[in-house]
Amino acid sequence: GFGLRYGKYAIISAIIIKKYLDNNSLESYTEDTL
């Protein structure tokens, strides 16, 4: 969609909500982002 063009900060916000606390390692950032 338009996420990469306009919504990078929105994607970050979503990653924090859904993924950040669900994992136990910083190493998962690529998997979480995708």
PDB file of all heavy atoms in Angstrom:
ATOM      1  N   GLY A   1       0.824  -1.187   0.000  1.00  0.00           N
ATOM      2  CA  GLY A   1       0.000   0.000   0.000  1.00  0.00           C
ATOM      3  C   GLY A   1       0.868   1.251   0.000  1.00  0.00           C
ATOM      4  O   GLY A   1       1.898   1.320  -0.673  1.00  0.00           O
ATOM      5  N   PHE A   2       0.454   2.239   0.776  1.00  0.00           N
ATOM      6  CA  PHE A   2       1.188   3.494   0.853  1.00  0.00           C
ATOM      7  C   PHE A   2       2.042   3.573   2.122  1.00  0.00           C
ATOM      8  O   PHE A   2       2.508   4.650   2.499  1.00  0.00           O
ATOM      9  CB  PHE A   2       0.212   4.674   0.813  1.00  0.00           C
ATOM     10  CG  PHE A   2      -0.412   4.883  -0.542  1.00  0.00           C
ATOM     11  CD1 PHE A   2      -1.550   4.176  -0.910  1.00  0.00           C
ATOM     12  CD2 PHE A   2       0.148   5.759  -1.450  1.00  0.00           C
ATOM     13  CE1 PHE A   2      -2.128   4.353  -2.149  1.00  0.00           C
ATOM     14  CE2 PHE A   2      -0.422   5.943  -2.706  1.00  0.00           C
ATOM     15  CZ  PHE A   2      -1.559   5.230  -3.066  1.00  0.00           C
ATOM     16  N   GLY A   3       2.252   2.424   2.756  1.00  0.00           N
ATOM     17  CA  GLY A   3       2.985   2.404   4.019  1.00  0.00           C
ATOM     18  C   GLY A   3       4.406   2.901   3.896  1.00  0.00           C
ATOM     19  O   GLY A   3       4.859   3.723   4.703  1.00  0.00           O
ATOM     20  N   LEU A   4       5.153   2.412   2.885  1.00  0.00           N
ATOM     21  CA  LEU A   4       6.544   2.811   2.739  1.00  0.00           C
ATOM     22  C   LEU A   4       6.670   4.251   2.265  1.00  0.00           C
ATOM     23  O   LEU A   4       7.651   4.928   2.577  1.00  0.00           O
ATOM     24  CB  LEU A   4       7.270   1.881   1.768  1.00  0.00           C
ATOM     25  CG  LEU A   4       7.519   0.453   2.270  1.00  0.00           C
ATOM     26  CD1 LEU A   4       8.155  -0.395   1.176  1.00  0.00           C
ATOM     27  CD2 LEU A   4       8.401   0.458   3.509  1.00  0.00           C
ATOM     28  N   ARG A   5       5.663   4.720   1.532  1.00  0.00           N
ATOM     29  CA  ARG A   5       5.737   6.077   0.993  1.00  0.00           C
ATOM     30  C   ARG A   5       5.394   7.128   2.041  1.00  0.00           C
ATOM     31  O   ARG A   5       6.078   8.146   2.154  1.00  0.00           O
ATOM     32  CB  ARG A   5       4.794   6.210  -0.196  1.00  0.00           C
ATOM     33  CG  ARG A   5       4.893   7.562  -0.894  1.00  0.00           C
ATOM     34  CD  ARG A   5       4.093   7.599  -2.160  1.00  0.00           C
ATOM     35  NE  ARG A   5       4.229   8.876  -2.845  1.00  0.00           N
ATOM     36  CZ  ARG A   5       3.609   9.188  -3.984  1.00  0.00           C
ATOM     37  NH1 ARG A   5       2.809   8.292  -4.569  1.00  0.00           N
ATOM     38  NH2 ARG A   5       3.783  10.371  -4.540  1.00  0.00           N
ATOM     39  N   TYR A   6       4.332   6.901   2.801  1.00  0.00           N
ATOM     40  CA  TYR A   6       3.868   7.901   3.749  1.00  0.00           C
ATOM     41  C   TYR A   6       3.850   7.425   5.209  1.00  0.00           C
ATOM     42  O   TYR A   6       3.774   8.253   6.116  1.00  0.00           O
ATOM     43  CB  TYR A   6       2.438   8.345   3.414  1.00  0.00           C
ATOM     44  CG  TYR A   6       2.259   8.952   2.045  1.00  0.00           C
ATOM     45  CD1 TYR A   6       1.329   8.417   1.148  1.00  0.00           C
ATOM     46  CD2 TYR A   6       2.991  10.065   1.649  1.00  0.00           C
ATOM     47  CE1 TYR A   6       1.135   8.979  -0.108  1.00  0.00           C
ATOM     48  CE2 TYR A   6       2.812  10.636   0.400  1.00  0.00           C
ATOM     49  CZ  TYR A   6       1.881  10.082  -0.480  1.00  0.00           C
ATOM     50  OH  TYR A   6       1.698  10.634  -1.711  1.00  0.00           O
ATOM     51  N   GLY A   7       3.868   6.125   5.418  1.00  0.00           N
ATOM     52  CA  GLY A   7       3.494   5.617   6.735  1.00  0.00           C
ATOM     53  C   GLY A   7       4.549   4.896   7.535  1.00  0.00           C
ATOM     54  O   GLY A   7       4.221   4.028   8.350  1.00  0.00           O
ATOM     55  N   LYS A   8       5.817   5.254   7.369  1.00  0.00           N
ATOM     56  CA  LYS A   8       6.856   4.520   8.111  1.00  0.00           C
ATOM     57  C   LYS A   8       6.671   4.658   9.620  1.00  0.00           C
ATOM     58  O   LYS A   8       6.842   3.689  10.369  1.00  0.00           O
ATOM     59  CB  LYS A   8       8.247   4.995   7.705  1.00  0.00           C
ATOM     60  CG  LYS A   8       8.695   4.551   6.319  1.00  0.00           C
ATOM     61  CD  LYS A   8      10.188   4.799   6.136  1.00  0.00           C
ATOM     62  CE  LYS A   8      10.643   4.453   4.731  1.00  0.00           C
ATOM     63  NZ  LYS A   8      10.258   5.483   3.754  1.00  0.00           N
ATOM     64  N   TYR A   9       6.365   5.856  10.096  1.00  0.00           N
ATOM     65  CA  TYR A   9       6.164   6.021  11.546  1.00  0.00           C
ATOM     66  C   TYR A   9       4.917   5.279  12.013  1.00  0.00           C
ATOM     67  O   TYR A   9       4.879   4.764  13.134  1.00  0.00           O
ATOM     68  CB  TYR A   9       6.083   7.506  11.913  1.00  0.00           C
ATOM     69  CG  TYR A   9       7.404   8.226  11.778  1.00  0.00           C
ATOM     70  CD1 TYR A   9       7.583   9.227  10.826  1.00  0.00           C
ATOM     71  CD2 TYR A   9       8.492   7.878  12.582  1.00  0.00           C
ATOM     72  CE1 TYR A   9       8.806   9.877  10.692  1.00  0.00           C
ATOM     73  CE2 TYR A   9       9.712   8.523  12.460  1.00  0.00           C
ATOM     74  CZ  TYR A   9       9.870   9.515  11.502  1.00  0.00           C
ATOM     75  OH  TYR A   9      11.086  10.159  11.369  1.00  0.00           O
ATOM     76  N   ALA A  10       3.926   5.201  11.144  1.00  0.00           N
ATOM     77  CA  ALA A  10       2.730   4.428  11.476  1.00  0.00           C
ATOM     78  C   ALA A  10       3.062   2.942  11.588  1.00  0.00           C
ATOM     79  O   ALA A  10       2.580   2.240  12.488  1.00  0.00           O
ATOM     80  CB  ALA A  10       1.655   4.654  10.410  1.00  0.00           C
ATOM     81  N   ILE A  11       3.900   2.449  10.686  1.00  0.00           N
ATOM     82  CA  ILE A  11       4.319   1.039  10.734  1.00  0.00           C
ATOM     83  C   ILE A  11       5.095   0.772  12.021  1.00  0.00           C
ATOM     84  O   ILE A  11       4.904  -0.266  12.673  1.00  0.00           O
ATOM     85  CB  ILE A  11       5.165   0.690   9.483  1.00  0.00           C
ATOM     86  CG1 ILE A  11       4.293   0.761   8.228  1.00  0.00           C
ATOM     87  CG2 ILE A  11       5.786  -0.698   9.629  1.00  0.00           C
ATOM     88  CD1 ILE A  11       5.081   0.655   6.925  1.00  0.00           C
ATOM     89  N   ILE A  12       5.974   1.709  12.394  1.00  0.00           N
ATOM     90  CA  ILE A  12       6.714   1.558  13.651  1.00  0.00           C
ATOM     91  C   ILE A  12       5.757   1.464  14.823  1.00  0.00           C
ATOM     92  O   ILE A  12       5.905   0.623  15.724  1.00  0.00           O
ATOM     93  CB  ILE A  12       7.686   2.745  13.858  1.00  0.00           C
ATOM     94  CG1 ILE A  12       8.776   2.748  12.780  1.00  0.00           C
ATOM     95  CG2 ILE A  12       8.312   2.705  15.252  1.00  0.00           C
ATOM     96  CD1 ILE A  12       9.650   1.523  12.752  1.00  0.00           C
ATOM     97  N   SER A  13       4.747   2.313  14.839  1.00  0.00           N
ATOM     98  CA  SER A  13       3.766   2.305  15.920  1.00  0.00           C
ATOM     99  C   SER A  13       3.062   0.954  15.994  1.00  0.00           C
ATOM    100  O   SER A  13       2.851   0.401  17.079  1.00  0.00           O
ATOM    101  CB  SER A  13       2.750   3.430  15.700  1.00  0.00           C
ATOM    102  OG  SER A  13       1.996   3.658  16.861  1.00  0.00           O
ATOM    103  N   ALA A  14       2.724   0.402  14.847  1.00  0.00           N
ATOM    104  CA  ALA A  14       2.059  -0.902  14.804  1.00  0.00           C
ATOM    105  C   ALA A  14       2.986  -2.017  15.270  1.00  0.00           C
ATOM    106  O   ALA A  14       2.566  -2.939  15.987  1.00  0.00           O
ATOM    107  CB  ALA A  14       1.579  -1.180  13.382  1.00  0.00           C
ATOM    108  N   ILE A  15       4.258  -1.950  14.875  1.00  0.00           N
ATOM    109  CA  ILE A  15       5.231  -2.966  15.307  1.00  0.00           C
ATOM    110  C   ILE A  15       5.355  -2.959  16.824  1.00  0.00           C
ATOM    111  O   ILE A  15       5.396  -4.019  17.470  1.00  0.00           O
ATOM    112  CB  ILE A  15       6.604  -2.721  14.650  1.00  0.00           C
ATOM    113  CG1 ILE A  15       6.532  -2.937  13.140  1.00  0.00           C
ATOM    114  CG2 ILE A  15       7.658  -3.643  15.253  1.00  0.00           C
ATOM    115  CD1 ILE A  15       7.785  -2.518  12.395  1.00  0.00           C
ATOM    116  N   ILE A  16       5.418  -1.762  17.410  1.00  0.00           N
ATOM    117  CA  ILE A  16       5.529  -1.658  18.866  1.00  0.00           C
ATOM    118  C   ILE A  16       4.296  -2.257  19.537  1.00  0.00           C
ATOM    119  O   ILE A  16       4.404  -3.000  20.522  1.00  0.00           O
ATOM    120  CB  ILE A  16       5.716  -0.191  19.291  1.00  0.00           C
ATOM    121  CG1 ILE A  16       7.051   0.360  18.760  1.00  0.00           C
ATOM    122  CG2 ILE A  16       5.657  -0.045  20.810  1.00  0.00           C
ATOM    123  CD1 ILE A  16       8.270  -0.353  19.282  1.00  0.00           C
ATOM    124  N   ILE A  17       3.132  -1.961  19.003  1.00  0.00           N
ATOM    125  CA  ILE A  17       1.891  -2.465  19.601  1.00  0.00           C
ATOM    126  C   ILE A  17       1.806  -3.985  19.520  1.00  0.00           C
ATOM    127  O   ILE A  17       1.510  -4.664  20.509  1.00  0.00           O
ATOM    128  CB  ILE A  17       0.662  -1.845  18.894  1.00  0.00           C
ATOM    129  CG1 ILE A  17       0.527  -0.367  19.273  1.00  0.00           C
ATOM    130  CG2 ILE A  17      -0.618  -2.591  19.274  1.00  0.00           C
ATOM    131  CD1 ILE A  17      -0.547   0.366  18.496  1.00  0.00           C
ATOM    132  N   LYS A  18       2.082  -4.520  18.358  1.00  0.00           N
ATOM    133  CA  LYS A  18       1.825  -5.941  18.158  1.00  0.00           C
ATOM    134  C   LYS A  18       3.023  -6.839  18.410  1.00  0.00           C
ATOM    135  O   LYS A  18       2.872  -7.975  18.879  1.00  0.00           O
ATOM    136  CB  LYS A  18       1.307  -6.191  16.740  1.00  0.00           C
ATOM    137  CG  LYS A  18       0.881  -7.648  16.534  1.00  0.00           C
ATOM    138  CD  LYS A  18       0.306  -7.876  15.155  1.00  0.00           C
ATOM    139  CE  LYS A  18      -0.073  -9.361  15.012  1.00  0.00           C
ATOM    140  NZ  LYS A  18      -0.539  -9.661  13.653  1.00  0.00           N
ATOM    141  N   LYS A  19       4.230  -6.338  18.093  1.00  0.00           N
ATOM    142  CA  LYS A  19       5.384  -7.237  18.076  1.00  0.00           C
ATOM    143  C   LYS A  19       6.409  -6.990  19.182  1.00  0.00           C
ATOM    144  O   LYS A  19       7.063  -7.919  19.644  1.00  0.00           O
ATOM    145  CB  LYS A  19       6.101  -7.130  16.715  1.00  0.00           C
ATOM    146  CG  LYS A  19       5.306  -7.696  15.554  1.00  0.00           C
ATOM    147  CD  LYS A  19       5.175  -9.208  15.675  1.00  0.00           C
ATOM    148  CE  LYS A  19       4.433  -9.796  14.492  1.00  0.00           C
ATOM    149  NZ  LYS A  19       4.317 -11.269  14.612  1.00  0.00           N
ATOM    150  N   TYR A  20       6.582  -5.750  19.573  1.00  0.00           N
ATOM    151  CA  TYR A  20       7.705  -5.423  20.457  1.00  0.00           C
ATOM    152  C   TYR A  20       7.696  -6.246  21.737  1.00  0.00           C
ATOM    153  O   TYR A  20       8.700  -6.857  22.116  1.00  0.00           O
ATOM    154  CB  TYR A  20       7.678  -3.933  20.790  1.00  0.00           C
ATOM    155  CG  TYR A  20       8.723  -3.531  21.814  1.00  0.00           C
ATOM    156  CD1 TYR A  20      10.066  -3.491  21.482  1.00  0.00           C
ATOM    157  CD2 TYR A  20       8.365  -3.192  23.113  1.00  0.00           C
ATOM    158  CE1 TYR A  20      11.024  -3.127  22.409  1.00  0.00           C
ATOM    159  CE2 TYR A  20       9.309  -2.819  24.044  1.00  0.00           C
ATOM    160  CZ  TYR A  20      10.637  -2.791  23.684  1.00  0.00           C
ATOM    161  OH  TYR A  20      11.582  -2.434  24.608  1.00  0.00           O
ATOM    162  N   LEU A  21       6.550  -6.322  22.398  1.00  0.00           N
ATOM    163  CA  LEU A  21       6.486  -7.050  23.658  1.00  0.00           C
ATOM    164  C   LEU A  21       6.271  -8.543  23.484  1.00  0.00           C
ATOM    165  O   LEU A  21       6.282  -9.290  24.450  1.00  0.00           O
ATOM    166  CB  LEU A  21       5.377  -6.465  24.546  1.00  0.00           C
ATOM    167  CG  LEU A  21       5.616  -5.028  25.021  1.00  0.00           C
ATOM    168  CD1 LEU A  21       4.416  -4.531  25.807  1.00  0.00           C
ATOM    169  CD2 LEU A  21       6.861  -4.948  25.877  1.00  0.00           C
ATOM    170  N   ASP A  22       6.071  -8.967  22.254  1.00  0.00           N
ATOM    171  CA  ASP A  22       5.826 -10.385  22.015  1.00  0.00           C
ATOM    172  C   ASP A  22       7.109 -11.178  21.836  1.00  0.00           C
ATOM    173  O   ASP A  22       7.071 -12.404  21.735  1.00  0.00           O
ATOM    174  CB  ASP A  22       4.984 -10.565  20.739  1.00  0.00           C
ATOM    175  CG  ASP A  22       3.584 -10.032  20.921  1.00  0.00           C
ATOM    176  OD1 ASP A  22       3.221  -9.775  22.077  1.00  0.00           O
ATOM    177  OD2 ASP A  22       2.874  -9.864  19.931  1.00  0.00           O
ATOM    178  N   ASN A  23       8.244 -10.506  21.733  1.00  0.00           N
ATOM    179  CA  ASN A  23       9.494 -11.188  21.446  1.00  0.00           C
ATOM    180  C   ASN A  23      10.482 -10.984  22.581  1.00  0.00           C
ATOM    181  O   ASN A  23      10.329 -10.110  23.411  1.00  0.00           O
ATOM    182  CB  ASN A  23      10.078 -10.649  20.132  1.00  0.00           C
ATOM    183  CG  ASN A  23       9.157 -10.941  18.970  1.00  0.00           C
ATOM    184  OD1 ASN A  23       9.043 -12.063  18.529  1.00  0.00           O
ATOM    185  ND2 ASN A  23       8.468  -9.910  18.480  1.00  0.00           N
ATOM    186  N   ASN A  24      11.511 -11.787  22.602  1.00  0.00           N
ATOM    187  CA  ASN A  24      12.491 -11.680  23.687  1.00  0.00           C
ATOM    188  C   ASN A  24      13.884 -11.360  23.172  1.00  0.00           C
ATOM    189  O   ASN A  24      14.858 -11.643  23.824  1.00  0.00           O
ATOM    190  CB  ASN A  24      12.530 -12.980  24.494  1.00  0.00           C
ATOM    191  CG  ASN A  24      12.870 -14.185  23.636  1.00  0.00           C
ATOM    192  OD1 ASN A  24      13.217 -14.044  22.470  1.00  0.00           O
ATOM    193  ND2 ASN A  24      12.743 -15.357  24.219  1.00  0.00           N
ATOM    194  N   SER A  25      13.972 -10.773  21.978  1.00  0.00           N
ATOM    195  CA  SER A  25      15.284 -10.444  21.441  1.00  0.00           C
ATOM    196  C   SER A  25      15.173  -9.307  20.440  1.00  0.00           C
ATOM    197  O   SER A  25      14.224  -9.247  19.651  1.00  0.00           O
ATOM    198  CB  SER A  25      15.921 -11.655  20.760  1.00  0.00           C
ATOM    199  OG  SER A  25      17.115 -11.276  20.091  1.00  0.00           O
ATOM    200  N   LEU A  26      16.158  -8.400  20.455  1.00  0.00           N
ATOM    201  CA  LEU A  26      16.220  -7.342  19.454  1.00  0.00           C
ATOM    202  C   LEU A  26      16.478  -7.903  18.056  1.00  0.00           C
ATOM    203  O   LEU A  26      16.180  -7.255  17.056  1.00  0.00           O
ATOM    204  CB  LEU A  26      17.340  -6.359  19.811  1.00  0.00           C
ATOM    205  CG  LEU A  26      17.137  -5.467  21.043  1.00  0.00           C
ATOM    206  CD1 LEU A  26      18.409  -4.685  21.336  1.00  0.00           C
ATOM    207  CD2 LEU A  26      15.973  -4.525  20.856  1.00  0.00           C
ATOM    208  N   GLU A  27      17.020  -9.099  18.011  1.00  0.00           N
ATOM    209  CA  GLU A  27      17.400  -9.692  16.732  1.00  0.00           C
ATOM    210  C   GLU A  27      16.206  -9.969  15.823  1.00  0.00           C
ATOM    211  O   GLU A  27      16.365 -10.228  14.632  1.00  0.00           O
ATOM    212  CB  GLU A  27      18.180 -10.994  16.968  1.00  0.00           C
ATOM    213  CG  GLU A  27      19.445 -10.829  17.793  1.00  0.00           C
ATOM    214  CD  GLU A  27      20.436  -9.879  17.141  1.00  0.00           C
ATOM    215  OE1 GLU A  27      20.551  -9.909  15.905  1.00  0.00           O
ATOM    216  OE2 GLU A  27      21.070  -9.109  17.873  1.00  0.00           O
ATOM    217  N   SER A  28      15.006  -9.931  16.373  1.00  0.00           N
ATOM    218  CA  SER A  28      13.819 -10.273  15.581  1.00  0.00           C
ATOM    219  C   SER A  28      13.273  -9.091  14.796  1.00  0.00           C
ATOM    220  O   SER A  28      12.199  -9.190  14.203  1.00  0.00           O
ATOM    221  CB  SER A  28      12.724 -10.819  16.498  1.00  0.00           C
ATOM    222  OG  SER A  28      12.272  -9.808  17.377  1.00  0.00           O
ATOM    223  N   TYR A  29      13.991  -7.965  14.776  1.00  0.00           N
ATOM    224  CA  TYR A  29      13.411  -6.752  14.178  1.00  0.00           C
ATOM    225  C   TYR A  29      13.082  -6.919  12.694  1.00  0.00           C
ATOM    226  O   TYR A  29      12.095  -6.372  12.201  1.00  0.00           O
ATOM    227  CB  TYR A  29      14.330  -5.551  14.412  1.00  0.00           C
ATOM    228  CG  TYR A  29      15.572  -5.511  13.552  1.00  0.00           C
ATOM    229  CD1 TYR A  29      15.580  -4.855  12.332  1.00  0.00           C
ATOM    230  CD2 TYR A  29      16.761  -6.116  13.976  1.00  0.00           C
ATOM    231  CE1 TYR A  29      16.719  -4.810  11.546  1.00  0.00           C
ATOM    232  CE2 TYR A  29      17.890  -6.077  13.213  1.00  0.00           C
ATOM    233  CZ  TYR A  29      17.874  -5.430  11.992  1.00  0.00           C
ATOM    234  OH  TYR A  29      18.999  -5.391  11.222  1.00  0.00           O
ATOM    235  N   THR A  30      13.897  -7.689  11.937  1.00  0.00           N
ATOM    236  CA  THR A  30      13.585  -7.869  10.511  1.00  0.00           C
ATOM    237  C   THR A  30      12.313  -8.696  10.337  1.00  0.00           C
ATOM    238  O   THR A  30      11.436  -8.358   9.541  1.00  0.00           O
ATOM    239  CB  THR A  30      14.757  -8.552   9.787  1.00  0.00           C
ATOM    240  OG1 THR A  30      15.068  -9.799  10.446  1.00  0.00           O
ATOM    241  CG2 THR A  30      15.990  -7.683   9.799  1.00  0.00           C
ATOM    242  N   GLU A  31      12.219  -9.783  11.095  1.00  0.00           N
ATOM    243  CA  GLU A  31      11.039 -10.641  11.037  1.00  0.00           C
ATOM    244  C   GLU A  31       9.784  -9.874  11.463  1.00  0.00           C
ATOM    245  O   GLU A  31       8.726  -9.973  10.829  1.00  0.00           O
ATOM    246  CB  GLU A  31      11.252 -11.855  11.945  1.00  0.00           C
ATOM    247  CG  GLU A  31      10.080 -12.801  12.029  1.00  0.00           C
ATOM    248  CD  GLU A  31      10.306 -13.900  13.051  1.00  0.00           C
ATOM    249  OE1 GLU A  31      11.486 -14.145  13.398  1.00  0.00           O
ATOM    250  OE2 GLU A  31       9.310 -14.483  13.514  1.00  0.00           O
ATOM    251  N   ASP A  32       9.907  -9.104  12.530  1.00  0.00           N
ATOM    252  CA  ASP A  32       8.763  -8.338  13.034  1.00  0.00           C
ATOM    253  C   ASP A  32       8.323  -7.279  12.033  1.00  0.00           C
ATOM    254  O   ASP A  32       7.118  -7.060  11.812  1.00  0.00           O
ATOM    255  CB  ASP A  32       9.121  -7.665  14.355  1.00  0.00           C
ATOM    256  CG  ASP A  32       9.431  -8.658  15.454  1.00  0.00           C
ATOM    257  OD1 ASP A  32       9.076  -9.840  15.301  1.00  0.00           O
ATOM    258  OD2 ASP A  32      10.028  -8.257  16.469  1.00  0.00           O
ATOM    259  N   THR A  33       9.293  -6.602  11.421  1.00  0.00           N
ATOM    260  CA  THR A  33       8.975  -5.563  10.443  1.00  0.00           C
ATOM    261  C   THR A  33       8.244  -6.146   9.246  1.00  0.00           C
ATOM    262  O   THR A  33       7.223  -5.612   8.788  1.00  0.00           O
ATOM    263  CB  THR A  33      10.258  -4.849   9.988  1.00  0.00           C
ATOM    264  OG1 THR A  33      10.931  -4.300  11.127  1.00  0.00           O
ATOM    265  CG2 THR A  33       9.943  -3.722   9.010  1.00  0.00           C
ATOM    266  N   LEU A  34       8.749  -7.256   8.725  1.00  0.00           N
ATOM    267  CA  LEU A  34       8.102  -7.892   7.572  1.00  0.00           C
ATOM    268  C   LEU A  34       6.707  -8.393   7.915  1.00  0.00           C
ATOM    269  O   LEU A  34       5.782  -8.322   7.099  1.00  0.00           O
ATOM    270  CB  LEU A  34       8.972  -9.053   7.062  1.00  0.00           C
ATOM    271  CG  LEU A  34      10.235  -8.652   6.291  1.00  0.00           C
ATOM    272  CD1 LEU A  34      11.067  -9.883   5.967  1.00  0.00           C
ATOM    273  CD2 LEU A  34       9.857  -7.914   4.993  1.00  0.00           C
TER     274      LEU A  34
END
